[in-house]
Protein backbone atom coordinates (compact mmCIF):
# COMPACT_ATOMS: atom_id res chain seq x y z
CA MET A 1 -0.07 0.07 -0.04
CA ILE A 2 1.45 3.39 -0.84
CA ASN A 3 2.24 5.87 2.01
CA TYR A 4 -0.67 8.00 3.38
CA ARG A 5 -1.38 10.44 6.20
CA VAL A 6 -4.55 11.19 7.96
CA ILE A 7 -5.09 14.64 9.31
CA GLY A 8 -8.25 15.26 11.35
CA ASN A 9 -10.93 12.74 12.36
CA ASN A 10 -13.96 14.63 13.06
CA PRO A 11 -17.23 12.64 12.25
CA ASP A 12 -19.03 15.71 11.38
CA ASN A 13 -16.54 16.82 8.69
CA GLU A 14 -16.45 15.55 5.01
CA TRP A 15 -13.20 14.06 3.76
CA VAL A 16 -10.82 15.47 1.12
CA VAL A 17 -8.36 13.20 -0.71
CA MET A 18 -5.23 15.12 -1.67
CA ILE A 19 -3.18 13.86 -4.71
CA HIS A 20 -0.05 15.60 -5.59
CA GLY A 21 1.61 15.85 -9.11
CA ALA A 22 4.60 14.27 -10.61
CA GLY A 23 7.89 14.89 -8.73
CA GLY A 24 5.87 16.02 -5.65
CA SER A 25 4.71 14.34 -2.48
CA MET A 26 2.15 14.88 0.24
CA SER A 27 4.24 17.94 1.44
CA THR A 28 3.07 19.64 -1.67
CA TRP A 29 -0.16 20.54 0.43
CA ILE A 30 1.76 22.11 3.07
CA ARG A 31 0.06 25.48 2.51
CA GLN A 32 -3.29 24.03 2.32
CA ILE A 33 -3.36 21.80 5.48
CA PRO A 34 -3.83 24.51 8.23
CA ASP A 35 -6.94 25.98 6.31
CA TYR A 36 -8.46 22.97 5.20
CA VAL A 37 -8.29 20.96 8.53
CA ARG A 38 -10.60 23.72 9.90
CA HIS A 39 -13.37 22.27 7.66
CA PHE A 40 -12.40 18.69 6.52
CA ASN A 41 -10.84 15.52 7.60
CA LEU A 42 -7.85 15.06 5.32
CA LEU A 43 -6.24 11.93 3.39
CA LEU A 44 -2.86 12.72 1.88
CA VAL A 45 -1.01 10.20 -0.28
CA ASP A 46 2.40 9.78 -1.69
CA LEU A 47 1.95 8.28 -5.26
CA ALA A 48 4.02 5.36 -6.28
CA GLY A 49 7.76 6.45 -6.67
CA HIS A 50 7.39 9.55 -4.70
CA GLY A 51 7.82 10.66 -1.07
CA GLU A 52 7.78 7.59 1.29
CA SER A 53 6.18 5.29 -1.52
CA GLN A 54 9.48 4.83 -3.37
CA ASP A 55 9.04 0.95 -3.46
CA ALA A 56 5.24 0.91 -4.17
CA PHE A 57 5.47 -0.30 -7.89
CA GLY A 58 6.62 -3.80 -7.04
CA SER A 59 6.53 -5.88 -9.99
CA ASP A 60 3.78 -3.97 -11.68
CA LYS A 61 4.23 -1.79 -14.70
CA ILE A 62 3.45 1.86 -14.08
CA SER A 63 0.06 3.28 -15.49
CA PHE A 64 -2.56 5.53 -14.50
CA ASP A 65 -4.82 2.72 -13.76
CA LEU A 66 -2.28 1.34 -11.29
CA LEU A 67 -2.02 4.81 -9.67
CA ALA A 68 -5.63 5.22 -9.38
CA ASP A 69 -6.09 1.78 -7.94
CA GLN A 70 -3.51 2.37 -5.34
CA VAL A 71 -5.08 5.58 -4.20
CA MET A 72 -8.43 3.77 -3.90
CA GLU A 73 -6.75 1.01 -1.96
CA VAL A 74 -6.11 3.46 0.72
CA VAL A 75 -9.61 5.10 0.51
CA ASP A 76 -11.12 1.54 0.77
CA HIS A 77 -8.69 0.73 3.78
CA LEU A 78 -9.88 3.73 5.68
CA LYS A 79 -13.53 2.86 4.78
CA LEU A 80 -14.25 6.28 3.31
CA GLU A 81 -17.47 6.03 1.53
CA LYS A 82 -17.58 9.29 -0.35
CA SER A 83 -14.82 12.17 -0.40
CA HIS A 84 -13.98 15.16 -2.19
CA PHE A 85 -10.74 14.95 -4.39
CA LEU A 86 -8.16 17.71 -4.64
CA ALA A 87 -5.43 17.12 -7.14
CA LEU A 88 -2.48 18.86 -8.75
CA SER A 89 -0.90 18.64 -12.12
CA VAL A 90 -0.47 14.84 -13.02
CA GLY A 91 -2.48 14.00 -9.98
CA CYS A 92 -5.52 15.50 -11.71
CA ILE A 93 -5.24 12.67 -14.27
CA VAL A 94 -5.46 10.22 -11.44
CA ALA A 95 -8.38 11.92 -9.72
CA GLN A 96 -10.24 12.20 -13.06
CA MET A 97 -9.64 8.50 -13.64
CA ILE A 98 -10.97 7.72 -10.06
CA ALA A 99 -14.07 10.00 -10.75
CA GLN A 100 -14.94 8.14 -13.93
CA ARG A 101 -14.19 4.67 -12.54
CA HIS A 102 -15.84 5.40 -9.14
CA PRO A 103 -18.38 8.29 -9.43
CA SER A 104 -20.31 7.10 -6.39
CA ARG A 105 -17.20 7.53 -4.34
CA VAL A 106 -16.56 11.17 -5.18
CA LYS A 107 -18.36 14.31 -4.21
CA LYS A 108 -16.57 17.04 -5.95
CA LEU A 109 -13.23 17.53 -7.76
CA VAL A 110 -10.77 20.45 -7.74
CA LEU A 111 -8.24 20.07 -10.41
CA ALA A 112 -5.33 22.53 -9.88
CA GLY A 113 -2.77 23.03 -12.61
CA ALA A 114 -4.73 20.55 -14.52
CA ILE A 115 -3.06 18.63 -17.44
CA THR A 116 -5.80 18.07 -20.06
CA ARG A 117 -3.69 18.08 -23.11
CA LEU A 118 0.08 18.32 -24.07
CA ASN A 119 0.49 21.40 -26.04
CA LEU A 120 3.68 22.05 -28.10
CA LYS A 121 5.49 23.73 -25.38
CA ALA A 122 5.04 20.61 -23.04
CA LYS A 123 5.96 18.21 -25.80
CA VAL A 124 9.11 20.07 -26.35
CA VAL A 125 9.96 19.78 -22.72
CA VAL A 126 8.95 16.10 -22.55
CA GLY A 127 11.19 15.43 -25.68
CA ALA A 128 14.23 17.25 -24.31
CA THR A 129 13.86 15.53 -20.98
CA ASN A 130 14.00 12.20 -22.86
CA LYS A 131 17.15 13.20 -24.66
CA LEU A 132 18.85 14.83 -21.76
CA LYS A 133 18.35 11.78 -19.46
CA ARG A 134 21.07 10.06 -21.47
CA VAL A 135 23.73 12.78 -21.16
CA LEU A 136 23.19 14.74 -17.94
CA PRO A 137 23.32 13.96 -14.23
CA PHE A 138 19.97 13.01 -12.73
CA ARG A 139 20.27 15.78 -10.22
CA ALA A 140 20.72 18.26 -13.25
CA ILE A 141 17.57 17.08 -15.05
CA LYS A 142 15.43 17.50 -11.82
CA TRP A 143 16.88 20.99 -11.31
CA LEU A 144 15.98 21.96 -14.93
CA LEU A 145 12.49 20.60 -14.77
CA VAL A 146 11.62 22.38 -11.58
CA ASN A 147 12.91 25.61 -12.90
CA VAL A 148 11.23 25.52 -16.30
CA ILE A 149 7.78 24.54 -14.88
CA LEU A 150 7.68 26.65 -11.71
CA PRO A 151 8.37 30.23 -12.20
CA GLN A 152 8.36 31.24 -8.33
CA LYS A 153 11.55 30.60 -6.45
CA GLU A 154 9.97 30.11 -3.12
CA THR A 155 7.73 27.28 -4.67
CA ARG A 156 10.60 25.86 -6.41
CA GLU A 157 12.43 25.38 -3.08
CA ILE A 158 9.47 23.65 -1.50
CA TYR A 159 9.05 21.27 -4.59
CA MET A 160 12.68 20.32 -4.84
CA GLU A 161 12.53 18.84 -1.32
CA SER A 162 10.05 16.36 -2.75
CA VAL A 163 11.78 15.97 -6.24
CA GLU A 164 15.00 15.03 -4.31
CA LYS A 165 13.38 11.95 -2.94
CA VAL A 166 12.50 10.54 -6.42
CA SER A 167 14.98 7.93 -7.25
CA TYR A 168 16.56 7.62 -10.92
CA SER A 169 14.83 4.22 -11.47
CA ASN A 170 11.47 5.60 -10.47
CA PHE A 171 12.05 8.51 -12.66
CA LEU A 172 12.69 6.38 -15.67
CA MET A 173 9.39 4.30 -14.87
CA TRP A 174 7.61 7.69 -14.80
CA MET A 175 9.15 8.69 -18.07
CA GLU A 176 7.56 5.62 -19.63
CA ILE A 177 4.05 6.73 -19.28
CA ILE A 178 4.74 10.31 -20.52
CA PRO A 179 4.53 9.32 -24.23
CA LYS A 180 1.08 7.72 -23.63
CA MET A 181 -0.20 10.73 -21.54
CA ASN A 182 -1.78 12.55 -24.44
CA TYR A 183 -3.87 9.51 -25.53
CA VAL A 184 -5.00 8.87 -21.75
CA ILE A 185 -5.91 12.33 -21.00
CA SER A 186 -7.63 13.10 -24.34
CA ASP A 187 -9.75 9.92 -23.60
CA LEU A 188 -10.53 11.11 -19.96
CA PHE A 189 -11.36 14.68 -20.79
CA ARG A 190 -13.39 14.10 -23.84
CA LYS A 191 -16.00 12.27 -21.66
CA ASN A 192 -18.01 14.68 -19.73
CA CYS A 193 -17.60 14.01 -16.06
CA GLU A 194 -21.07 14.30 -14.34
CA LEU A 195 -19.52 15.45 -11.02
CA PRO A 196 -19.11 19.04 -9.95
CA THR A 197 -15.74 20.02 -11.06
CA MET A 198 -13.72 23.15 -10.56
CA TYR A 199 -10.48 23.91 -12.56
CA LEU A 200 -8.19 26.22 -10.59
CA MET A 201 -5.11 27.45 -12.88
CA GLY A 202 -2.41 29.83 -12.18
CA SER A 203 -2.44 32.98 -14.23
CA ASP A 204 1.20 32.31 -15.34
CA ASP A 205 0.67 28.59 -16.23
CA TYR A 206 1.73 28.95 -19.77
CA PHE A 207 1.98 25.19 -20.44
CA PHE A 208 -1.62 24.11 -19.51
CA ILE A 209 -3.90 27.06 -18.91
CA LYS A 210 -5.46 27.26 -22.33
CA GLU A 211 -6.11 23.66 -22.58
CA ALA A 212 -7.63 23.31 -19.20
CA LYS A 213 -10.12 26.34 -20.09
CA ASN A 214 -11.11 24.44 -23.14
CA ALA A 215 -11.83 21.25 -21.12
CA ALA A 216 -13.84 23.21 -18.45
CA ASP A 217 -15.94 25.03 -21.05
CA SER A 218 -16.81 21.84 -22.85
CA ASN A 219 -18.41 20.45 -19.61
CA PRO A 220 -21.57 22.07 -18.17
CA ARG A 221 -20.66 20.59 -14.77
CA SER A 222 -17.27 22.26 -14.67
CA SER A 223 -16.28 25.77 -13.60
CA PHE A 224 -12.92 27.54 -14.24
CA GLU A 225 -11.04 29.99 -12.12
CA VAL A 226 -7.71 31.60 -12.52
CA VAL A 227 -5.45 32.04 -9.46
CA PRO A 228 -3.72 35.45 -9.83
CA GLU A 229 0.19 35.73 -9.53
CA ALA A 230 0.61 31.98 -9.63
CA GLY A 231 2.19 29.34 -11.88
CA HIS A 232 1.63 25.72 -12.51
CA ALA A 233 1.75 24.96 -8.58
CA CYS A 234 -0.90 27.52 -8.00
CA ASN A 235 -1.72 26.12 -4.64
CA LEU A 236 1.70 26.91 -3.47
CA ASP A 237 2.14 30.25 -5.34
CA ASN A 238 -0.96 31.92 -3.97
CA LYS A 239 -2.32 30.00 -0.99
CA LYS A 240 -4.77 32.54 0.23
CA TYR A 241 -6.66 32.82 -3.14
CA PHE A 242 -6.38 29.02 -3.80
CA ASN A 243 -7.47 27.92 -0.42
CA LYS A 244 -10.53 30.32 -0.31
CA ALA A 245 -11.73 29.40 -3.86
CA SER A 246 -11.17 25.68 -3.39
CA ILE A 247 -12.73 25.48 0.10
CA ASP A 248 -15.80 27.63 -0.78
CA PHE A 249 -16.34 25.18 -3.77
CA PHE A 250 -16.25 22.04 -1.58
CA LEU A 251 -18.38 23.56 1.06
CA ALA A 252 -21.12 24.93 -1.33
């Protein structure tokens, strides 16, 4: 079972399952926990190959199906019947897959820094990473990726603490699913999710904001909101705006 942490256990409060993005860990939500725990019980997970879930793959080949199943294994273990899901970046793909496969277990979705399609900029970064992994030290690759995707220095420093824990072997395993990502997400986000969904995107998230807006506009059950002065990790860049918008959505 992947590593997880429970914060709060108030029987009167609803649950929020928090799913981080690639290279992150449950510490990605450090700026949400104090505000969120006043309203919700929280379940934070480390996806396979991240945080304290470094050995979670076992003999299984990585896939988004596997990642979704592993999160639901924890949800089932804790006997959570129905929860909200808050996800960031690649974690949004996992959350969306859970919502489509287990709609009765999900109340609402907040998809932050959502990846709904890889545009040309993102494809260039992915292609360059595949080439650079053969010639650059792993630490240099991690530093480059974080600096390209996350514009704010303080956010980069928080994220790098999680990125440093990702082993080279797990990095290579994650790189295996990147070429298949566009097919997976085009299939996922082409189907209209019947659950209330909010897309929260940083104003400076030049890699993914346009595609996320298109995905939100195509689904009458979805709303779209821009987090000002924020990049891809908008939950870290502008926590005050992000926390109010997402908490209000879940409580409404």
